[in-house]
C-alpha atoms as a PDB file:
ATOM      1  CA  MET A   1     -36.729  29.039  42.212  1.00  0.00           C
ATOM      2  CA  LYS A   2     -37.731  32.239  40.063  1.00  0.00           C
ATOM      3  CA  LEU A   3     -39.016  31.610  36.732  1.00  0.00           C
ATOM      4  CA  ILE A   4     -38.064  34.187  33.983  1.00  0.00           C
ATOM      5  CA  PHE A   5     -39.234  34.336  30.591  1.00  0.00           C
ATOM      6  CA  ASP A   6     -36.424  35.622  28.225  1.00  0.00           C
ATOM      7  CA  GLU A   7     -37.687  37.882  25.390  1.00  0.00           C
ATOM      8  CA  THR A   8     -37.434  35.038  22.583  1.00  0.00           C
ATOM      9  CA  ALA A   9     -39.977  33.241  24.822  1.00  0.00           C
ATOM     10  CA  LEU A  10     -42.120  35.946  25.011  1.00  0.00           C
ATOM     11  CA  VAL A  11     -42.189  36.671  21.135  1.00  0.00           C
ATOM     12  CA  ASP A  12     -43.086  33.242  20.862  1.00  0.00           C
ATOM     13  CA  LEU A  13     -46.014  33.664  23.004  1.00  0.00           C
ATOM     14  CA  GLU A  14     -47.008  36.748  21.367  1.00  0.00           C
ATOM     15  CA  GLY A  15     -46.878  34.769  18.106  1.00  0.00           C
ATOM     16  CA  ILE A  16     -48.889  31.921  19.549  1.00  0.00           C
ATOM     17  CA  TYR A  17     -51.645  34.274  20.759  1.00  0.00           C
ATOM     18  CA  ASN A  18     -51.640  36.196  17.269  1.00  0.00           C
ATOM     19  CA  TRP A  19     -52.014  33.039  15.319  1.00  0.00           C
ATOM     20  CA  ILE A  20     -54.740  31.775  17.495  1.00  0.00           C
ATOM     21  CA  ALA A  21     -56.521  35.115  17.620  1.00  0.00           C
ATOM     22  CA  LYS A  22     -57.074  35.451  13.825  1.00  0.00           C
ATOM     23  CA  ASP A  23     -60.045  32.951  14.339  1.00  0.00           C
ATOM     24  CA  ASN A  24     -60.788  33.179  18.146  1.00  0.00           C
ATOM     25  CA  PRO A  25     -59.599  36.001  20.484  1.00  0.00           C
ATOM     26  CA  THR A  26     -60.791  34.280  23.315  1.00  0.00           C
ATOM     27  CA  ALA A  27     -59.233  30.951  22.745  1.00  0.00           C
ATOM     28  CA  ALA A  28     -55.835  32.692  22.149  1.00  0.00           C
ATOM     29  CA  LYS A  29     -56.194  34.241  25.447  1.00  0.00           C
ATOM     30  CA  ALA A  30     -57.067  30.907  27.250  1.00  0.00           C
ATOM     31  CA  VAL A  31     -54.359  29.146  25.617  1.00  0.00           C
ATOM     32  CA  VAL A  32     -51.363  31.828  26.154  1.00  0.00           C
ATOM     33  CA  GLU A  33     -52.943  32.295  30.016  1.00  0.00           C
ATOM     34  CA  ARG A  34     -52.506  28.458  30.175  1.00  0.00           C
ATOM     35  CA  LEU A  35     -49.216  28.437  29.068  1.00  0.00           C
ATOM     36  CA  PHE A  36     -47.929  30.583  31.538  1.00  0.00           C
ATOM     37  CA  ALA A  37     -49.759  28.975  34.455  1.00  0.00           C
ATOM     38  CA  SER A  38     -48.621  25.665  33.220  1.00  0.00           C
ATOM     39  CA  ALA A  39     -44.783  27.010  33.054  1.00  0.00           C
ATOM     40  CA  GLU A  40     -45.245  28.336  36.609  1.00  0.00           C
ATOM     41  CA  HIS A  41     -44.981  24.391  38.015  1.00  0.00           C
ATOM     42  CA  LEU A  42     -41.312  24.754  36.540  1.00  0.00           C
ATOM     43  CA  ALA A  43     -40.336  26.645  39.209  1.00  0.00           C
ATOM     44  CA  SER A  44     -41.028  24.114  41.706  1.00  0.00           C
ATOM     45  CA  PHE A  45     -40.444  21.170  39.848  1.00  0.00           C
ATOM     46  CA  PRO A  46     -37.203  22.307  37.497  1.00  0.00           C
ATOM     47  CA  GLN A  47     -36.380  18.810  36.378  1.00  0.00           C
ATOM     48  CA  MET A  48     -39.564  17.568  35.283  1.00  0.00           C
ATOM     49  CA  GLY A  49     -38.620  18.121  31.666  1.00  0.00           C
ATOM     50  CA  HIS A  50     -36.399  16.076  29.420  1.00  0.00           C
ATOM     51  CA  VAL A  51     -32.992  16.858  28.011  1.00  0.00           C
ATOM     52  CA  GLY A  52     -33.719  19.026  25.154  1.00  0.00           C
ATOM     53  CA  ARG A  53     -32.220  18.987  21.585  1.00  0.00           C
ATOM     54  CA  ASP A  54     -29.471  21.314  22.768  1.00  0.00           C
ATOM     55  CA  GLU A  55     -28.448  19.154  25.669  1.00  0.00           C
ATOM     56  CA  GLU A  56     -27.838  22.357  27.812  1.00  0.00           C
ATOM     57  CA  THR A  57     -31.720  22.930  27.938  1.00  0.00           C
ATOM     58  CA  LEU A  58     -34.580  20.627  29.289  1.00  0.00           C
ATOM     59  CA  GLU A  59     -38.087  20.566  27.272  1.00  0.00           C
ATOM     60  CA  TRP A  60     -41.435  20.027  28.699  1.00  0.00           C
ATOM     61  CA  VAL A  61     -44.641  19.241  26.852  1.00  0.00           C
ATOM     62  CA  VAL A  62     -47.377  21.215  28.366  1.00  0.00           C
ATOM     63  CA  PRO A  63     -50.408  18.540  29.183  1.00  0.00           C
ATOM     64  CA  ARG A  64     -53.302  18.805  27.076  1.00  0.00           C
ATOM     65  CA  LEU A  65     -51.699  21.470  24.878  1.00  0.00           C
ATOM     66  CA  PRO A  66     -49.604  20.823  21.863  1.00  0.00           C
ATOM     67  CA  TYR A  67     -46.831  23.262  22.822  1.00  0.00           C
ATOM     68  CA  ILE A  68     -43.135  22.620  24.257  1.00  0.00           C
ATOM     69  CA  VAL A  69     -41.568  24.713  26.791  1.00  0.00           C
ATOM     70  CA  ILE A  70     -37.879  24.914  26.316  1.00  0.00           C
ATOM     71  CA  TYR A  71     -35.868  26.219  29.500  1.00  0.00           C
ATOM     72  CA  GLU A  72     -32.690  26.408  31.252  1.00  0.00           C
ATOM     73  CA  VAL A  73     -32.156  25.720  35.001  1.00  0.00           C
ATOM     74  CA  TYR A  74     -29.453  27.889  36.872  1.00  0.00           C
ATOM     75  CA  ALA A  75     -29.308  26.359  40.253  1.00  0.00           C
ATOM     76  CA  GLU A  76     -26.925  28.423  41.646  1.00  0.00           C
ATOM     77  CA  ARG A  77     -28.681  31.637  40.891  1.00  0.00           C
ATOM     78  CA  ASP A  78     -32.022  29.887  41.704  1.00  0.00           C
ATOM     79  CA  GLU A  79     -33.510  30.386  38.272  1.00  0.00           C
ATOM     80  CA  VAL A  80     -35.409  28.746  35.711  1.00  0.00           C
ATOM     81  CA  ILE A  81     -35.282  30.774  32.322  1.00  0.00           C
ATOM     82  CA  VAL A  82     -37.934  29.899  29.767  1.00  0.00           C
ATOM     83  CA  THR A  83     -36.057  30.373  26.077  1.00  0.00           C
ATOM     84  CA  ALA A  84     -38.883  29.207  23.967  1.00  0.00           C
ATOM     85  CA  VAL A  85     -42.316  27.978  23.331  1.00  0.00           C
ATOM     86  CA  VAL A  86     -42.722  26.233  20.285  1.00  0.00           C
ATOM     87  CA  HIS A  87     -45.613  24.133  19.017  1.00  0.00           C
ATOM     88  CA  GLY A  88     -44.914  20.192  19.136  1.00  0.00           C
ATOM     89  CA  ALA A  89     -45.652  19.949  15.168  1.00  0.00           C
ATOM     90  CA  ARG A  90     -43.046  22.822  14.277  1.00  0.00           C
ATOM     91  CA  ASP A  91     -40.222  21.452  12.354  1.00  0.00           C
ATOM     92  CA  ARG A  92     -37.264  22.268  14.467  1.00  0.00           C
ATOM     93  CA  GLU A  93     -34.866  20.180  12.734  1.00  0.00           C
ATOM     94  CA  SER A  94     -34.652  22.357   9.705  1.00  0.00           C
ATOM     95  CA  GLU A  95     -34.049  25.507  11.806  1.00  0.00           C
ATOM     96  CA  LEU A  96     -30.701  23.997  13.139  1.00  0.00           C
END
């Protein structure tokens, strides 16, 4: 399957980078690179996540990082679209 990051997910990754880079630009780069590399597994194993808070999405907790990748699978188009990347401690309930 083809892995696509939508604009919102890219903005999330930029925000993650900027937040970490305030203290450690090298670590920020490493975290974002790891998030991209880890998300690549979704192209081969799109069902490895669990049903998300929005039932049309799946969520996958990135191993050894406190981030959750939120994505949608479109089998008919052979695509996995990452729609968001959020910190696991983020209060997403108040955002609904």
